[in-house]
Protein backbone atom coordinates (compact mmCIF):
# COMPACT_ATOMS: atom_id res chain seq x y z
CA MET A 1 84.10 70.16 45.47
CA THR A 2 87.81 70.80 46.01
CA ARG A 3 89.82 70.58 42.76
CA ALA A 4 92.84 68.32 43.29
CA TYR A 5 95.91 67.43 41.24
CA VAL A 6 97.97 64.28 41.95
CA LEU A 7 101.75 64.11 41.46
CA HIS A 8 103.84 60.96 41.79
CA PRO A 9 107.58 61.71 42.21
CA ASP A 10 109.42 58.88 40.40
CA LEU A 11 112.82 58.77 42.06
CA ARG A 12 115.03 57.21 39.41
CA SER A 13 118.00 56.80 41.75
CA ALA A 14 115.99 54.67 44.15
CA ALA A 15 116.07 50.89 44.15
CA PRO A 16 113.86 49.38 41.43
CA LEU A 17 110.29 48.98 42.53
CA SER A 18 108.07 46.04 41.79
CA ARG A 19 105.40 48.40 40.49
CA ALA A 20 105.37 50.76 37.57
CA PRO A 21 105.17 54.48 38.42
CA GLU A 22 101.93 54.66 36.44
CA ALA A 23 100.37 52.01 38.72
CA LEU A 24 101.51 53.92 41.80
CA LEU A 25 100.03 57.12 40.37
CA ALA A 26 96.74 55.33 39.68
CA GLU A 27 96.58 54.15 43.29
CA ALA A 28 97.23 57.69 44.52
CA VAL A 29 94.39 58.95 42.31
CA ASN A 30 92.08 56.29 43.79
CA LEU A 31 93.10 57.33 47.30
CA THR A 32 92.33 60.95 46.46
CA GLU A 33 88.97 60.07 44.95
CA ALA A 34 88.14 58.12 48.11
CA LEU A 35 87.80 61.55 49.77
CA ASP A 36 85.27 62.69 47.16
CA LEU A 37 87.75 65.20 45.78
CA ASN A 38 87.59 66.32 42.16
CA VAL A 39 90.82 65.03 40.57
CA VAL A 40 91.39 67.33 37.59
CA GLY A 41 94.76 65.87 36.60
CA ALA A 42 97.61 63.55 37.52
CA ASP A 43 101.25 63.20 36.45
CA VAL A 44 104.35 61.14 37.08
CA VAL A 45 107.28 63.50 37.75
CA PRO A 46 110.71 61.89 37.07
CA LEU A 47 113.32 62.77 39.70
CA THR A 48 117.03 62.02 39.63
CA GLN A 49 117.18 63.07 43.27
CA PRO A 50 114.91 65.25 45.42
CA ARG A 51 115.99 68.86 45.96
CA ALA A 52 116.40 69.87 49.58
CA GLY A 53 113.76 72.40 50.52
CA TRP A 54 111.87 72.13 47.23
CA LEU A 55 111.64 68.46 46.12
CA PHE A 56 111.44 69.39 42.44
CA GLY A 57 113.85 71.45 40.32
CA SER A 58 113.11 75.12 39.61
CA GLY A 59 112.14 74.48 35.98
CA LYS A 60 109.67 71.72 36.89
CA ILE A 61 108.22 73.84 39.72
CA GLU A 62 107.59 76.69 37.27
CA GLU A 63 106.08 74.32 34.70
CA LEU A 64 103.80 72.65 37.23
CA GLY A 65 102.84 76.03 38.72
CA GLY A 66 101.51 77.22 35.36
CA LEU A 67 99.61 73.97 34.88
CA LEU A 68 98.05 74.13 38.36
CA HIS A 69 97.07 77.77 37.94
CA GLY A 70 95.47 77.09 34.57
CA ALA A 71 93.44 74.19 35.99
CA GLU A 72 92.36 76.26 39.03
CA VAL A 73 93.77 73.62 41.37
CA GLU A 74 93.17 74.10 45.09
CA LEU A 75 94.94 71.02 46.47
CA VAL A 76 98.02 69.11 45.30
CA ILE A 77 98.57 65.52 46.42
CA VAL A 78 102.22 64.45 46.40
CA ASN A 79 102.33 60.65 46.41
CA GLY A 80 105.34 60.33 48.66
CA ALA A 81 106.96 61.84 51.73
CA ILE A 82 107.77 65.54 51.75
CA THR A 83 109.50 67.56 54.43
CA PRO A 84 107.76 70.46 56.22
CA LYS A 85 110.14 72.88 54.48
CA GLN A 86 109.36 71.43 51.03
CA GLN A 87 105.66 71.64 51.80
CA GLN A 88 105.93 75.23 52.97
CA ASN A 89 107.95 76.36 49.93
CA LEU A 90 105.67 74.65 47.41
CA GLU A 91 102.53 76.04 49.07
CA LYS A 92 103.90 79.59 48.94
CA THR A 93 105.09 79.26 45.34
CA TRP A 94 102.03 77.52 43.89
CA LYS A 95 99.51 79.17 46.24
CA VAL A 96 97.73 75.90 46.84
CA LYS A 97 97.49 73.49 49.74
CA ILE A 98 99.94 70.55 49.65
CA LEU A 99 99.21 67.12 51.10
CA ASP A 100 101.68 64.23 51.04
CA ARG A 101 100.82 60.52 51.00
CA THR A 102 100.88 60.18 54.78
CA GLY A 103 98.61 63.18 55.24
CA LEU A 104 96.25 61.86 52.57
CA ILE A 105 95.88 58.45 54.21
CA LEU A 106 95.40 60.06 57.61
CA GLU A 107 92.66 62.23 56.17
CA ILE A 108 90.91 59.18 54.70
CA PHE A 109 91.10 57.38 58.02
CA GLY A 110 89.73 60.45 59.78
CA ASP A 111 86.80 60.50 57.40
CA ARG A 112 86.07 56.77 57.77
CA ALA A 113 86.37 56.23 61.52
CA GLN A 114 82.98 55.42 62.99
CA THR A 115 83.69 54.24 66.53
CA ARG A 116 84.96 56.35 69.40
CA GLU A 117 88.09 54.21 69.67
CA GLY A 118 88.79 54.47 65.95
CA SER A 119 88.34 58.24 66.00
CA MET A 120 90.74 58.61 68.94
CA GLN A 121 93.32 56.40 67.25
CA VAL A 122 93.19 58.44 64.07
CA GLU A 123 93.37 61.73 65.96
CA LEU A 124 96.43 60.52 67.85
CA ALA A 125 98.12 59.49 64.60
CA HIS A 126 97.16 62.84 63.11
CA LEU A 127 98.69 64.77 66.01
CA GLU A 128 101.89 62.73 65.77
CA TYR A 129 102.13 63.66 62.11
CA GLN A 130 101.37 67.31 62.76
CA LYS A 131 104.17 67.76 65.31
CA SER A 132 106.41 69.25 62.67
CA ARG A 133 103.60 70.79 60.66
CA LEU A 134 101.86 73.00 63.18
CA VAL A 135 101.96 76.14 61.07
CA ARG A 136 99.56 75.95 58.12
CA ALA A 137 99.18 78.84 55.74
CA TRP A 138 96.17 77.64 53.84
CA THR A 139 92.92 77.50 55.77
CA HIS A 140 90.64 79.21 53.22
CA LEU A 141 89.11 76.10 51.67
CA GLU A 142 85.59 75.32 52.75
CA ARG A 143 85.10 72.22 54.85
CA GLN A 144 83.00 69.78 52.84
CA ARG A 145 83.09 66.59 54.95
CA GLY A 146 84.25 65.15 58.25
CA GLY A 147 87.82 64.14 58.79
CA LEU A 148 90.64 65.93 60.45
CA GLY A 149 91.07 69.16 58.55
CA PHE A 150 93.95 68.51 56.18
CA VAL A 151 91.80 69.10 53.12
CA GLY A 152 89.01 71.32 54.28
CA GLY A 153 90.62 73.95 56.43
CA PRO A 154 90.69 74.29 60.21
CA GLY A 155 88.17 71.53 61.01
CA GLU A 156 86.09 71.06 64.10
CA THR A 157 89.09 70.87 66.46
CA GLN A 158 91.84 73.41 65.69
CA ILE A 159 95.33 72.17 66.43
CA GLU A 160 96.92 74.46 68.98
CA ALA A 161 100.14 76.09 67.94
CA ASP A 162 101.52 75.55 71.35
CA ARG A 163 103.52 72.32 71.48
CA ARG A 164 102.87 71.84 75.16
CA ALA A 165 99.12 71.89 74.57
CA LEU A 166 99.62 69.45 71.72
CA SER A 167 101.54 67.06 73.95
CA GLU A 168 98.86 67.33 76.64
CA ARG A 169 96.18 66.38 74.12
CA MET A 170 98.20 63.42 72.91
CA GLY A 171 98.74 62.26 76.49
CA LYS A 172 95.02 62.49 77.21
CA LEU A 173 94.21 60.46 74.08
CA ARG A 174 96.70 57.76 75.05
CA ARG A 175 95.14 57.49 78.51
CA GLN A 176 91.62 57.28 77.07
CA LEU A 177 92.70 54.66 74.54
CA SER A 178 94.36 52.63 77.27
CA LYS A 179 91.11 52.58 79.24
CA THR A 180 89.14 51.67 76.13
CA VAL A 181 91.46 48.77 75.32
CA GLN A 182 91.32 47.54 78.92
CA THR A 183 87.53 47.67 78.88
CA ARG A 184 87.39 45.78 75.60
CA ALA A 185 89.82 43.16 76.89
CA ALA A 186 87.83 42.72 80.09
CA ARG A 187 84.63 41.94 78.20
CA LYS A 188 86.33 39.84 75.56
CA ARG A 189 85.31 36.31 76.37
CA ALA A 190 84.79 34.90 72.92
CA PRO A 191 83.77 31.26 73.37
CA TYR A 192 84.67 30.38 69.78
CA PRO A 193 87.78 30.49 67.59
CA VAL A 194 88.50 33.84 65.90
CA VAL A 195 89.14 34.00 62.15
CA ALA A 196 90.58 37.36 61.04
CA LEU A 197 90.35 38.65 57.47
CA VAL A 198 93.30 40.78 56.37
CA GLY A 199 94.35 42.12 53.02
CA TYR A 200 95.20 45.08 50.84
CA THR A 201 92.56 47.75 50.78
CA ASN A 202 89.77 47.01 48.29
CA ALA A 203 90.71 43.34 48.04
CA GLY A 204 87.16 42.28 48.89
CA LYS A 205 87.39 41.46 52.61
CA SER A 206 84.11 43.18 53.47
CA THR A 207 82.32 41.49 50.57
CA LEU A 208 83.52 38.10 51.83
CA PHE A 209 82.57 39.06 55.38
CA ASN A 210 79.06 39.99 54.25
CA ARG A 211 78.78 36.80 52.18
CA LEU A 212 79.53 34.61 55.19
CA THR A 213 77.76 36.56 57.92
CA GLY A 214 74.82 38.17 56.16
CA ALA A 215 75.95 41.47 57.63
CA LYS A 216 75.81 44.77 55.78
CA VAL A 217 79.32 46.10 56.32
CA LEU A 218 80.11 48.84 53.78
CA ALA A 219 81.56 47.07 50.75
CA LYS A 220 82.33 49.46 47.90
CA ASP A 221 84.87 49.67 45.10
CA MET A 222 86.69 52.26 47.16
CA LEU A 223 89.98 52.31 49.04
CA PHE A 224 89.52 52.09 52.81
CA ALA A 225 85.76 51.57 52.60
CA THR A 226 86.12 49.74 55.93
CA LEU A 227 88.11 51.20 58.80
CA ASP A 228 86.79 50.03 62.15
CA PRO A 229 87.12 46.26 62.67
CA THR A 230 83.82 44.37 62.75
CA MET A 231 83.26 40.99 64.40
CA ARG A 232 80.34 38.58 63.94
CA GLY A 233 79.61 35.09 65.18
CA ILE A 234 78.74 32.59 62.43
CA GLN A 235 78.19 28.87 62.04
CA LEU A 236 80.31 27.14 59.42
CA SER A 237 79.18 24.17 57.38
CA GLY A 238 79.36 21.20 59.71
CA GLY A 239 78.10 23.20 62.68
CA ARG A 240 81.35 24.75 64.01
CA GLN A 241 80.88 28.18 65.58
CA ILE A 242 83.49 30.88 64.91
CA ILE A 243 83.99 34.61 65.31
CA LEU A 244 84.75 36.28 61.97
CA SER A 245 86.66 39.60 62.07
CA ASP A 246 86.80 42.09 59.20
CA THR A 247 89.74 44.48 59.60
CA VAL A 248 90.99 47.67 58.00
CA GLY A 249 92.66 47.24 54.63
CA PHE A 250 96.40 47.73 54.37
CA VAL A 251 98.22 49.80 51.77
CA ALA A 252 101.79 50.27 50.59
CA ASP A 253 103.82 52.64 52.76
CA LEU A 254 101.15 52.73 55.47
CA PRO A 255 102.11 55.63 57.76
CA THR A 256 104.02 54.45 60.79
CA GLN A 257 101.78 56.68 62.93
CA LEU A 258 98.78 54.64 61.87
CA ILE A 259 100.47 51.29 62.38
CA ALA A 260 101.26 52.33 65.95
CA ALA A 261 97.82 53.81 66.58
CA PHE A 262 95.89 50.82 65.27
CA ARG A 263 98.01 48.19 66.94
CA ALA A 264 95.41 47.78 69.70
CA THR A 265 92.51 47.63 67.25
CA LEU A 266 94.26 45.02 65.17
CA GLU A 267 95.00 42.81 68.16
CA GLU A 268 92.29 40.51 66.80
CA VAL A 269 94.70 39.69 63.98
CA LEU A 270 97.60 38.98 66.33
CA GLU A 271 95.49 36.79 68.60
CA ALA A 272 93.26 35.16 65.97
CA ASP A 273 93.19 31.40 65.71
CA VAL A 274 93.27 31.65 61.91
CA VAL A 275 94.44 34.56 59.73
CA VAL A 276 93.01 34.73 56.21
CA HIS A 277 94.87 36.86 53.67
CA VAL A 278 92.39 38.06 51.04
CA ARG A 279 94.03 39.07 47.74
CA ASP A 280 92.59 40.70 44.65
CA ALA A 281 93.41 38.15 41.96
CA SER A 282 92.34 40.58 39.23
CA HIS A 283 94.73 43.38 40.21
CA VAL A 284 97.85 43.87 38.09
CA ASP A 285 99.91 44.38 41.26
CA SER A 286 98.39 41.52 43.27
CA ASP A 287 101.79 40.03 44.16
CA ALA A 288 103.22 43.37 45.30
CA GLN A 289 100.09 44.08 47.33
CA GLY A 290 100.41 40.69 48.98
CA GLU A 291 103.97 41.48 50.05
CA ASP A 292 102.86 44.84 51.45
CA VAL A 293 100.28 43.08 53.62
CA LEU A 294 102.82 40.58 54.96
CA THR A 295 105.28 43.40 55.69
CA THR A 296 102.63 45.28 57.68
CA LEU A 297 101.69 42.13 59.62
CA ARG A 298 105.35 41.71 60.60
CA GLU A 299 105.43 45.34 61.75
CA LEU A 300 102.34 44.67 63.85
CA GLY A 301 104.15 41.79 65.55
CA LEU A 302 102.80 38.65 63.84
CA GLU A 303 105.39 35.91 64.23
CA ASP A 304 107.02 34.33 61.17
CA GLU A 305 105.73 30.95 62.29
CA ARG A 306 102.15 32.21 62.07
CA LEU A 307 102.82 34.04 58.81
CA ASP A 308 103.77 30.72 57.26
CA ARG A 309 100.38 29.28 58.26
CA ILE A 310 98.19 32.05 56.84
CA ILE A 311 95.35 30.92 54.59
CA THR A 312 95.48 32.83 51.30
CA VAL A 313 92.31 33.53 49.33
CA TYR A 314 92.58 34.78 45.75
CA ASN A 315 89.37 36.77 45.45
CA LYS A 316 87.52 38.44 42.54
CA LEU A 317 87.62 35.47 40.16
CA ASP A 318 84.59 37.04 38.51
CA LEU A 319 86.76 39.91 37.22
CA LEU A 320 89.26 37.61 35.48
CA PRO A 321 88.89 36.40 31.89
CA GLU A 322 87.55 32.86 31.99
CA ASP A 323 90.80 31.30 30.70
CA GLU A 324 92.84 33.09 33.43
CA ALA A 325 90.31 32.15 36.10
CA HIS A 326 90.41 28.51 34.97
CA ALA A 327 94.23 28.46 35.04
CA LEU A 328 94.26 29.99 38.55
CA ARG A 329 91.76 27.44 39.87
CA ASN A 330 93.87 24.57 38.50
CA ARG A 331 97.11 25.98 39.92
CA LEU A 332 95.69 26.52 43.40
CA ASP A 333 93.96 23.14 43.54
CA ARG A 334 97.40 21.59 44.06
CA ALA A 335 98.42 24.01 46.84
CA GLU A 336 97.75 23.83 50.57
CA ASP A 337 95.95 26.57 52.51
CA VAL A 338 95.18 28.46 49.30
CA LEU A 339 92.02 28.76 47.26
CA ALA A 340 90.42 30.86 44.53
CA MET A 341 86.95 32.31 44.93
CA SER A 342 84.58 35.16 44.21
CA ALA A 343 83.05 36.63 47.32
CA LEU A 344 80.67 38.61 45.09
CA THR A 345 79.14 35.62 43.27
CA GLY A 346 79.65 33.07 46.06
CA GLU A 347 81.93 30.79 44.05
CA GLY A 348 84.29 29.02 46.45
CA ALA A 349 82.41 30.09 49.61
CA GLU A 350 81.73 26.48 50.62
CA ALA A 351 85.35 25.47 49.94
CA PHE A 352 86.44 28.42 52.08
CA GLN A 353 84.40 27.18 55.02
CA ASP A 354 85.77 23.67 54.56
CA LEU A 355 89.31 25.03 54.65
CA ILE A 356 88.63 26.94 57.88
CA ASN A 357 87.09 23.85 59.42
CA GLU A 358 90.09 21.78 58.39
CA ARG A 359 92.56 24.27 59.84
CA LEU A 360 90.72 24.65 63.16
CA GLY A 361 90.26 20.94 63.63
CA ALA A 362 93.72 19.79 62.56
CA ASP A 363 95.39 20.01 65.95
CA GLU A 364 92.45 20.70 68.19
CA VAL A 365 92.01 18.65 71.34
CA THR A 366 89.87 18.85 74.50
CA ARG A 367 91.31 18.50 77.98
CA ASP A 368 90.29 19.11 81.60
CA LEU A 369 92.54 21.58 83.42
CA HIS A 370 92.52 22.05 87.20
CA ILE A 371 93.23 25.71 88.00
CA ASP A 372 93.66 26.94 91.56
CA HIS A 373 91.22 29.67 92.65
CA ALA A 374 94.17 31.97 93.31
CA GLU A 375 95.35 31.68 89.71
CA GLY A 376 92.88 34.18 88.32
CA ALA A 377 95.24 35.28 85.54
CA ALA A 378 95.55 31.70 84.27
CA GLN A 379 91.78 31.28 84.20
CA ALA A 380 91.35 34.60 82.41
CA TRP A 381 93.95 33.57 79.83
CA LEU A 382 92.09 30.35 79.06
CA TYR A 383 88.79 32.17 78.66
CA ARG A 384 90.43 34.64 76.34
CA HIS A 385 92.56 32.35 74.21
CA THR A 386 90.74 29.02 74.17
CA ASP A 387 87.26 27.57 73.96
CA VAL A 388 86.15 26.83 77.53
CA LEU A 389 83.36 24.31 77.10
CA ALA A 390 82.49 23.73 80.76
CA ARG A 391 83.46 24.71 84.28
CA ARG A 392 83.18 22.84 87.57
CA ASP A 393 84.08 24.67 90.77
CA GLU A 394 85.68 22.64 93.57
CA GLU A 395 87.02 23.51 96.99
CA ASP A 396 90.62 24.00 95.88
CA GLY A 397 90.01 25.33 92.41
CA ALA A 398 88.08 25.08 89.17
CA VAL A 399 88.14 22.32 86.59
CA LEU A 400 87.85 23.83 83.12
CA THR A 401 87.05 21.72 80.10
CA VAL A 402 89.15 23.39 77.44
CA ARG A 403 89.26 22.91 73.67
CA ALA A 404 92.20 24.40 71.82
CA GLY A 405 95.00 23.70 69.40
CA THR A 406 98.31 22.35 70.57
CA GLY A 407 99.90 25.75 70.01
CA ALA A 408 97.54 27.37 72.50
CA PHE A 409 98.21 24.65 75.07
CA ALA A 410 101.94 25.12 74.61
CA LYS A 411 101.66 28.88 75.08
CA PHE A 412 99.57 28.38 78.22
CA ALA A 413 102.13 25.99 79.67
CA ALA A 414 104.93 28.45 78.98
CA THR A 415 103.01 31.39 80.46
CA PHE A 416 101.54 29.65 83.50
CA PRO A 417 103.76 26.67 84.32
CA ALA A 418 102.34 26.29 87.84
CA SER A 419 98.79 26.03 86.53
CA ALA A 420 99.72 23.82 83.57
CA GLY A 421 101.36 21.19 85.74
CA ASP A 422 102.71 18.34 83.67
CA LEU A 423 100.95 19.38 80.49
CA VAL A 424 102.59 17.54 77.61
CA ILE A 425 102.15 18.78 74.06
CA THR A 426 102.71 16.51 71.09
CA ALA A 427 102.12 18.67 68.05
CA ASP A 428 102.66 15.93 65.52
CA GLU A 429 99.98 13.80 67.07
CA GLY A 430 97.77 16.73 67.93
CA ALA A 431 97.53 15.59 71.52
CA ALA A 432 97.67 17.24 74.89
CA GLU A 433 97.83 15.17 78.02
CA ILE A 434 97.65 15.95 81.69
CA ALA A 435 99.77 13.69 83.85
């Protein structure tokens, strides 16, 4: 097992962070351990300002070099961004492989991807990252697992040194991903509302997903245990059918390459009827993690209006001392669209379903829409974004019996005014009328 050492550069001149450097170091250690690496040590390294070309000062580099040599370290994780020049200089001086935070997260994603689409997305993100890091001096470490080759040497697919070949590979991946997304969109005809679970990695989304669906999605006390989104149809209490989506966990400073690559995969979040933000109530940095998730959702394109309507679930009540759990329950009882629960024990699972039912039914109405046969795009939009309960074909078009919220009707009217006709939306009354 590769012996790894984790360093967290604590930039003192930077704006004050909401988290302590020790907490950030602990997260980096957890990320490293998620790759089944042997973490032999970890340190916070205070920095007044990073040194160009080296990151650390000469004295600290010498000190750390002796420490790494004594511990027989093979891989150093730097929990932050480092330039290719800094990486090259530190690798030559310390005679170890260097991996920054972005590279570490990419490696984890490469190890976790199970579907063809997920693997292609990760490879594309990896190639984007490697544009400026094509020359690697350290390829002697034995490959011990899947992934993309940051940690274990050259890997199954060696990155060509030639930039033109690299660009060609990236272009091919983009074309393949485009076809995959189109295929998925063509077959996506979900007849029920979609509820998407989002949250910081290891917040308990998969445990909640398994609790509600009876599925066996990997749910471990491990960062990024789930990568590829999973969707299941379930019946809520009261009989309402929904599609529940478990998505990849977010993390602070998620590499921009991954945000871009997984935008298509996470379209379920952007198009979901209800977004549920699962938070780890027991984590010391729960508030900061919650802000990281919201920031990422904004970067993905979720509108502020929808962000304000997210249902927030404070999970892992079972890990809180009873007095803290009791206080949290009492505080959240007075709040809207918020609840406390334990996905592991099942506490709050029924209240969760009730909340989803309440949200979906609050502004939901059913109307008959006459769509001309020539308006195929309008029909496709309704099948994709609403619940089409029935269809009756006539000579001049199709009459679709549609159930949806007022927001969906409003979006349809704005997108397809000719097909919507005189569709009037009254959000306050939760009504939609066809003149």
